[in-house]
Amino acid sequence: MTGEGLTKIVLFIEYEGTRYHGFQWQKNAATIQGELESALYKMTGETLRVMAASRTDAGVHALGQVASFRTTSNHTARSFVSGLNFYLPSDIAIKDACLVHNDFNVRRAAQRHYRYYIINRPTRSPFKARYAHLVPRQLDIEAMDQACKSLVGERDFAPFVSNVAPIKNTVRTVYSAQMARQGDMVTFDVMANSFLPHQVRNMMGALLKVGLDKMKVKTFQEMARCGQRGLIGPTAPACGLWLMQIDYVPPLGEAQ
């Protein structure tokens, strides 16, 4: 949709991604984008296209997804919160919404924050199985955190990208990467300007090998810097990955 009378709305979204084939619309598959666009049609009568700041994979969850769309409707930004939540399924929720200038691009974020959750204990958890990856053997968190240091900075992350991914520029800037433990819950937090497809899950898969003493820290560091595409993995399961927050400069707010 183009032309006069259009307004751009930004949505702040959270979802439990277990039953979805990722954010991006797919034919004959349930997706977050598909549910959002269906709810928008029911609310406005318009066929609208939603753009996300980060296209999460199948089974990945989000606490801080950001998406935008253009509309000719007279609904206020706030009315989209209650209106869309009425039509959306219970595993997707709109937390907030705001009006932005039409030239705002939701994908031009300053920083994206992902967190990976691991249950590190001998037995499974019925309450956390859909939200965290079970690793029965004790992990060496100190070794994993040391390996994380080689991920920080502007790097060529080609070793963490699938060989079949159609990506030409594999250079990204990671601002921070760290491991932490609280009881039997282990977390990997990573913040970057943007991420390559499966990058976080491939980093997590390799870090798990370090934590299980299947790969030395030095080997991880050497492989991470080698520039050889698709070298490091395996890809960790999607259930443990969460999109936590997306930041913009200046912060998003009502358009003037």
Protein backbone atom coordinates (compact mmCIF):
# COMPACT_ATOMS: atom_id res chain seq x y z
CA MET A 1 0.00 0.00 0.00
CA THR A 2 1.28 3.43 -0.90
CA GLY A 3 -0.07 6.94 -1.12
CA GLU A 4 -1.44 9.64 1.10
CA GLY A 5 -3.45 8.87 4.20
CA LEU A 6 -1.18 6.04 5.30
CA THR A 7 0.10 5.87 8.85
CA LYS A 8 2.82 3.52 10.12
CA ILE A 9 2.31 1.63 13.36
CA VAL A 10 4.95 -0.27 15.30
CA LEU A 11 3.95 -3.26 17.43
CA PHE A 12 5.85 -4.68 20.41
CA ILE A 13 5.13 -8.40 20.45
CA GLU A 14 5.78 -11.49 22.52
CA TYR A 15 5.04 -15.06 21.51
CA GLU A 16 5.54 -18.69 22.43
CA GLY A 17 6.89 -20.06 19.17
CA THR A 18 6.56 -23.83 19.66
CA ARG A 19 3.73 -24.42 17.18
CA TYR A 20 4.87 -21.89 14.56
CA HIS A 21 7.12 -22.30 11.52
CA GLY A 22 8.96 -19.09 12.37
CA PHE A 23 7.95 -15.46 12.03
CA GLN A 24 7.93 -15.08 8.24
CA TRP A 25 4.78 -15.97 6.29
CA GLN A 26 4.74 -19.38 4.62
CA LYS A 27 2.14 -21.03 2.43
CA ASN A 28 0.21 -23.77 4.24
CA ALA A 29 2.14 -23.29 7.52
CA ALA A 30 1.32 -21.45 10.73
CA THR A 31 3.58 -18.42 11.25
CA ILE A 32 3.62 -15.38 13.52
CA GLN A 33 3.36 -13.03 10.54
CA GLY A 34 0.39 -14.97 9.19
CA GLU A 35 -1.47 -14.70 12.49
CA LEU A 36 -0.72 -10.97 12.78
CA GLU A 37 -1.88 -10.22 9.26
CA SER A 38 -5.03 -12.28 9.76
CA ALA A 39 -5.83 -10.37 12.96
CA LEU A 40 -5.18 -7.03 11.23
CA TYR A 41 -7.59 -7.95 8.45
CA LYS A 42 -10.29 -8.87 10.97
CA MET A 43 -9.77 -5.58 12.81
CA THR A 44 -9.39 -3.17 9.88
CA GLY A 45 -10.73 -4.94 6.79
CA GLU A 46 -7.41 -4.19 5.08
CA THR A 47 -4.95 -6.67 3.63
CA LEU A 48 -1.76 -5.46 5.30
CA ARG A 49 1.85 -6.63 5.19
CA VAL A 50 3.76 -6.84 8.47
CA MET A 51 7.56 -6.40 8.61
CA ALA A 52 9.55 -7.75 11.57
CA ALA A 53 12.80 -6.47 13.02
CA SER A 54 14.09 -10.04 13.34
CA ARG A 55 12.76 -13.10 11.47
CA THR A 56 12.84 -15.74 14.17
CA ASP A 57 13.10 -19.41 13.13
CA ALA A 58 10.58 -22.19 13.66
CA GLY A 59 10.12 -22.91 17.36
CA VAL A 60 11.93 -19.78 18.57
CA HIS A 61 10.22 -17.61 21.19
CA ALA A 62 10.16 -13.83 21.68
CA LEU A 63 9.67 -11.43 24.54
CA GLY A 64 10.73 -8.36 22.56
CA GLN A 65 9.87 -8.72 18.88
CA VAL A 66 9.16 -5.46 17.02
CA ALA A 67 7.13 -5.23 13.81
CA SER A 68 5.54 -2.51 11.70
CA PHE A 69 2.76 -2.04 9.16
CA ARG A 70 1.06 0.76 7.24
CA THR A 71 -2.67 1.36 7.43
CA THR A 72 -5.35 3.75 6.19
CA SER A 73 -7.59 3.02 9.19
CA ASN A 74 -8.39 5.65 11.82
CA HIS A 75 -7.55 3.39 14.75
CA THR A 76 -5.12 4.86 17.27
CA ALA A 77 -1.90 3.03 18.05
CA ARG A 78 -3.23 2.07 21.47
CA SER A 79 -6.42 0.63 20.02
CA PHE A 80 -4.35 -1.87 18.05
CA VAL A 81 -3.12 -3.38 21.32
CA SER A 82 -6.56 -4.39 22.58
CA GLY A 83 -7.99 -4.97 19.11
CA LEU A 84 -5.30 -7.33 17.88
CA ASN A 85 -5.12 -9.19 21.18
CA PHE A 86 -8.83 -9.92 20.80
CA TYR A 87 -8.24 -11.70 17.47
CA LEU A 88 -4.80 -13.25 18.07
CA PRO A 89 -4.34 -16.77 19.49
CA SER A 90 -3.33 -17.05 23.13
CA ASP A 91 0.35 -17.78 22.36
CA ILE A 92 0.84 -14.37 20.66
CA ALA A 93 0.32 -11.04 22.43
CA ILE A 94 0.74 -7.37 21.57
CA LYS A 95 2.38 -5.64 24.53
CA ASP A 96 2.35 -2.09 23.18
CA ALA A 97 2.14 -0.06 19.97
CA CYS A 98 3.17 3.39 18.78
CA LEU A 99 2.88 5.65 15.77
CA VAL A 100 6.11 6.32 13.85
CA HIS A 101 7.14 8.37 10.84
CA ASN A 102 6.56 6.73 7.46
CA ASP A 103 10.29 6.62 6.69
CA PHE A 104 11.01 4.52 9.79
CA ASN A 105 12.48 1.09 8.93
CA VAL A 106 11.90 -1.49 11.64
CA ARG A 107 14.89 -3.56 10.45
CA ARG A 108 17.37 -0.75 11.07
CA ALA A 109 17.80 -1.54 14.74
CA ALA A 110 20.84 -0.49 16.75
CA GLN A 111 21.00 -3.74 18.71
CA ARG A 112 19.33 -7.14 18.98
CA HIS A 113 19.49 -9.23 22.14
CA TYR A 114 19.02 -13.02 22.09
CA ARG A 115 19.15 -15.40 25.04
CA TYR A 116 19.50 -19.18 24.95
CA TYR A 117 18.20 -21.21 27.91
CA ILE A 118 19.67 -24.56 28.96
CA ILE A 119 18.39 -26.89 31.68
CA ASN A 120 21.58 -28.41 33.03
CA ARG A 121 20.56 -31.34 35.21
CA PRO A 122 20.25 -35.13 34.84
CA THR A 123 16.46 -35.20 34.46
CA ARG A 124 14.01 -33.36 32.23
CA SER A 125 11.64 -30.65 33.44
CA PRO A 126 7.97 -30.97 32.42
CA PHE A 127 7.55 -27.23 33.03
CA LYS A 128 10.57 -25.98 31.03
CA ALA A 129 10.90 -28.51 28.19
CA ARG A 130 9.27 -26.22 25.63
CA TYR A 131 11.37 -23.22 26.61
CA ALA A 132 14.86 -24.57 27.28
CA HIS A 133 17.23 -27.24 25.94
CA LEU A 134 18.02 -30.11 28.31
CA VAL A 135 21.72 -30.99 28.75
CA PRO A 136 22.04 -33.83 31.31
CA ARG A 137 25.84 -33.66 31.76
CA GLN A 138 27.42 -30.96 33.89
CA LEU A 139 28.62 -28.01 31.81
CA ASP A 140 31.89 -26.14 32.35
CA ILE A 141 30.47 -22.63 32.35
CA GLU A 142 33.85 -20.95 32.89
CA ALA A 143 35.30 -22.57 29.76
CA MET A 144 32.19 -21.63 27.76
CA ASP A 145 32.36 -18.04 28.95
CA GLN A 146 36.04 -17.85 28.04
CA ALA A 147 35.21 -19.08 24.53
CA CYS A 148 32.53 -16.38 24.26
CA LYS A 149 35.17 -13.67 24.39
CA SER A 150 36.34 -14.56 20.88
CA LEU A 151 32.85 -13.70 19.57
CA VAL A 152 32.90 -10.05 20.65
CA GLY A 153 33.73 -7.34 18.14
CA GLU A 154 33.36 -6.91 14.40
CA ARG A 155 33.96 -10.37 12.97
CA ASP A 156 33.37 -12.52 9.93
CA PHE A 157 30.85 -15.03 11.30
CA ALA A 158 30.92 -17.25 8.21
CA PRO A 159 31.95 -20.30 10.32
CA PHE A 160 28.56 -20.07 12.08
CA VAL A 161 26.46 -19.89 8.89
CA SER A 162 24.96 -22.80 7.00
CA ASN A 163 26.70 -23.57 3.71
CA VAL A 164 23.37 -23.27 1.89
CA ALA A 165 22.34 -19.90 3.37
CA PRO A 166 22.24 -17.27 0.56
CA ILE A 167 24.23 -14.65 2.47
CA LYS A 168 27.04 -12.67 0.84
CA ASN A 169 28.16 -10.39 3.68
CA THR A 170 28.82 -12.45 6.80
CA VAL A 171 30.46 -9.68 8.84
CA ARG A 172 28.55 -8.66 11.96
CA THR A 173 29.35 -6.77 15.18
CA VAL A 174 28.75 -8.56 18.47
CA TYR A 175 28.67 -6.15 21.41
CA SER A 176 28.60 -8.73 24.20
CA ALA A 177 28.44 -12.50 24.66
CA GLN A 178 28.43 -14.26 28.01
CA MET A 179 27.42 -17.41 29.86
CA ALA A 180 25.79 -17.51 33.30
CA ARG A 181 24.39 -20.11 35.68
CA GLN A 182 21.65 -19.87 38.29
CA GLY A 183 20.94 -23.22 39.88
CA ASP A 184 20.27 -25.74 37.12
CA MET A 185 19.47 -23.03 34.57
CA VAL A 186 22.27 -21.89 32.24
CA THR A 187 21.92 -18.90 29.92
CA PHE A 188 23.84 -17.61 26.93
CA ASP A 189 23.24 -13.91 26.24
CA VAL A 190 24.45 -12.31 23.04
CA MET A 191 23.89 -8.80 21.70
CA ALA A 192 24.77 -7.63 18.18
CA ASN A 193 23.81 -5.16 15.49
CA SER A 194 22.24 -8.08 13.60
CA PHE A 195 22.56 -11.83 13.25
CA LEU A 196 23.00 -14.27 10.38
CA PRO A 197 20.53 -17.14 9.88
CA HIS A 198 21.02 -19.74 12.65
CA GLN A 199 24.05 -17.84 13.94
CA VAL A 200 23.04 -17.85 17.61
CA ARG A 201 22.01 -21.51 17.59
CA ASN A 202 25.26 -22.51 15.83
CA MET A 203 27.29 -20.52 18.35
CA MET A 204 25.37 -22.24 21.14
CA GLY A 205 25.94 -25.67 19.63
CA ALA A 206 29.69 -25.10 19.49
CA LEU A 207 29.78 -23.63 22.99
CA LEU A 208 28.02 -26.73 24.29
CA LYS A 209 30.86 -28.83 22.85
CA VAL A 210 33.28 -26.64 24.84
CA GLY A 211 31.18 -27.01 27.99
CA LEU A 212 31.11 -30.80 27.60
CA ASP A 213 34.90 -30.94 26.97
CA LYS A 214 34.38 -32.12 23.39
CA MET A 215 36.19 -29.05 22.08
CA LYS A 216 38.96 -27.01 23.67
CA VAL A 217 38.55 -23.26 24.11
CA LYS A 218 41.56 -22.62 21.88
CA THR A 219 40.08 -24.79 19.12
CA PHE A 220 36.79 -22.88 19.35
CA GLN A 221 38.62 -19.58 19.09
CA GLU A 222 40.68 -20.71 16.09
CA MET A 223 37.66 -22.09 14.26
CA ALA A 224 35.58 -18.99 15.01
CA ARG A 225 38.21 -16.78 13.37
CA CYS A 226 39.09 -18.95 10.38
CA GLY A 227 36.48 -17.52 7.97
CA GLN A 228 35.52 -20.95 6.60
CA ARG A 229 31.79 -21.03 5.95
CA GLY A 230 29.66 -23.52 7.88
CA LEU A 231 32.52 -24.90 9.93
CA ILE A 232 31.07 -24.58 13.43
CA GLY A 233 28.03 -26.25 14.90
CA PRO A 234 25.94 -28.25 15.45
CA THR A 235 22.78 -26.13 15.46
CA ALA A 236 21.27 -26.12 18.95
CA PRO A 237 17.53 -26.86 19.22
CA ALA A 238 15.18 -23.94 18.64
CA CYS A 239 13.21 -24.40 21.87
CA GLY A 240 15.90 -22.72 23.99
CA LEU A 241 16.22 -19.54 21.93
CA TRP A 242 14.46 -16.32 22.88
CA LEU A 243 14.48 -12.90 21.20
CA MET A 244 14.68 -10.71 24.30
CA GLN A 245 14.88 -7.10 23.08
CA ILE A 246 15.47 -4.88 20.08
CA ASP A 247 16.84 -1.37 20.61
CA TYR A 248 16.65 1.71 18.41
CA VAL A 249 18.44 5.04 18.49
CA PRO A 250 16.62 7.20 19.37
CA PRO A 251 14.21 4.92 21.30
CA LEU A 252 10.86 4.33 19.67
CA GLY A 253 8.03 6.63 20.69
CA GLU A 254 5.09 8.51 19.30
CA ALA A 255 5.76 10.32 16.02
CA GLN A 256 5.56 14.09 16.32
